[in-house]
Amino acid sequence: MMTDWLTKQTAAGVVHATPLDDGIVHEFTHDCPCGPAPQVVPGGVVLVHASLDGREHQEAT
């Protein structure tokens, strides 16, 4: 299973973390169809996009 991520800063203090090789194409917006979850970090917000394989839940533990 591929578990790599792409990060991209889209605005001051806003970074998107999107899964690579996922079953859908992710949009670098807060209203991406996957329903990204915001995580407040020092200096801004990271929007963690949901993957179809659930890798963000496995890697968080």
C-alpha atoms as a PDB file:
ATOM      1  CA  MET A   1       0.000   0.000   0.000  1.00  0.00           C
ATOM      2  CA  MET A   2       1.326   3.436  -0.964  1.00  0.00           C
ATOM      3  CA  THR A   3       1.383   5.782   2.013  1.00  0.00           C
ATOM      4  CA  ASP A   4       3.127   8.836   0.624  1.00  0.00           C
ATOM      5  CA  TRP A   5       1.716  12.322   1.044  1.00  0.00           C
ATOM      6  CA  LEU A   6       1.996  15.571  -0.888  1.00  0.00           C
ATOM      7  CA  THR A   7       2.000  18.835   1.039  1.00  0.00           C
ATOM      8  CA  LYS A   8       1.232  22.156  -0.584  1.00  0.00           C
ATOM      9  CA  GLN A   9       0.890  25.622   0.908  1.00  0.00           C
ATOM     10  CA  THR A  10      -2.066  27.394  -0.710  1.00  0.00           C
ATOM     11  CA  ALA A  11      -2.272  30.545   1.420  1.00  0.00           C
ATOM     12  CA  ALA A  12      -0.438  32.179   4.283  1.00  0.00           C
ATOM     13  CA  GLY A  13      -0.629  29.695   7.145  1.00  0.00           C
ATOM     14  CA  VAL A  14      -2.653  27.081   5.208  1.00  0.00           C
ATOM     15  CA  VAL A  15      -1.062  23.785   4.148  1.00  0.00           C
ATOM     16  CA  HIS A  16      -2.852  20.851   2.517  1.00  0.00           C
ATOM     17  CA  ALA A  17      -1.682  17.266   3.090  1.00  0.00           C
ATOM     18  CA  THR A  18      -3.081  15.051   0.337  1.00  0.00           C
ATOM     19  CA  PRO A  19      -2.498  11.325  -0.143  1.00  0.00           C
ATOM     20  CA  LEU A  20      -0.614  10.258  -3.275  1.00  0.00           C
ATOM     21  CA  ASP A  21      -1.849   7.393  -5.448  1.00  0.00           C
ATOM     22  CA  ASP A  22      -5.342   7.608  -3.963  1.00  0.00           C
ATOM     23  CA  GLY A  23      -8.530   6.534  -5.716  1.00  0.00           C
ATOM     24  CA  ILE A  24      -9.701  10.126  -6.218  1.00  0.00           C
ATOM     25  CA  VAL A  25      -8.141  13.389  -7.354  1.00  0.00           C
ATOM     26  CA  HIS A  26      -7.925  15.791  -4.425  1.00  0.00           C
ATOM     27  CA  GLU A  27      -8.578  19.512  -4.765  1.00  0.00           C
ATOM     28  CA  PHE A  28      -6.420  21.931  -2.786  1.00  0.00           C
ATOM     29  CA  THR A  29      -9.486  23.548  -1.215  1.00  0.00           C
ATOM     30  CA  HIS A  30     -11.343  23.240   2.084  1.00  0.00           C
ATOM     31  CA  ASP A  31     -14.342  21.836   0.203  1.00  0.00           C
ATOM     32  CA  CYS A  32     -12.517  18.927  -1.464  1.00  0.00           C
ATOM     33  CA  PRO A  33     -14.936  15.973  -1.887  1.00  0.00           C
ATOM     34  CA  CYS A  34     -12.926  13.948   0.670  1.00  0.00           C
ATOM     35  CA  GLY A  35     -13.825  16.373   3.489  1.00  0.00           C
ATOM     36  CA  PRO A  36     -10.378  17.409   4.750  1.00  0.00           C
ATOM     37  CA  ALA A  37      -9.980  17.744   8.516  1.00  0.00           C
ATOM     38  CA  PRO A  38      -8.346  20.949   9.784  1.00  0.00           C
ATOM     39  CA  GLN A  39      -5.569  20.604  12.352  1.00  0.00           C
ATOM     40  CA  VAL A  40      -4.395  23.777  14.059  1.00  0.00           C
ATOM     41  CA  VAL A  41      -0.596  23.932  14.288  1.00  0.00           C
ATOM     42  CA  PRO A  42       1.782  26.708  15.346  1.00  0.00           C
ATOM     43  CA  GLY A  43       1.695  29.262  12.556  1.00  0.00           C
ATOM     44  CA  GLY A  44      -1.454  28.101  10.822  1.00  0.00           C
ATOM     45  CA  VAL A  45      -3.643  25.195   9.788  1.00  0.00           C
ATOM     46  CA  VAL A  46      -2.958  21.875   8.065  1.00  0.00           C
ATOM     47  CA  LEU A  47      -5.887  20.449   6.121  1.00  0.00           C
ATOM     48  CA  VAL A  48      -5.462  16.664   6.166  1.00  0.00           C
ATOM     49  CA  HIS A  49      -7.320  15.172   3.230  1.00  0.00           C
ATOM     50  CA  ALA A  50      -9.059  11.827   3.719  1.00  0.00           C
ATOM     51  CA  SER A  51      -7.814   8.889   1.663  1.00  0.00           C
ATOM     52  CA  LEU A  52      -9.907   6.056   0.333  1.00  0.00           C
ATOM     53  CA  ASP A  53      -7.636   3.494   2.019  1.00  0.00           C
ATOM     54  CA  GLY A  54      -7.773   5.185   5.455  1.00  0.00           C
ATOM     55  CA  ARG A  55      -3.994   5.698   5.736  1.00  0.00           C
ATOM     56  CA  GLU A  56      -4.379   8.899   7.766  1.00  0.00           C
ATOM     57  CA  HIS A  57      -5.995   6.886  10.578  1.00  0.00           C
ATOM     58  CA  GLN A  58      -3.313   4.184  10.542  1.00  0.00           C
ATOM     59  CA  GLU A  59      -0.432   6.682  10.526  1.00  0.00           C
ATOM     60  CA  ALA A  60      -1.888   8.745  13.383  1.00  0.00           C
ATOM     61  CA  THR A  61      -1.462   5.868  15.838  1.00  0.00           C
END
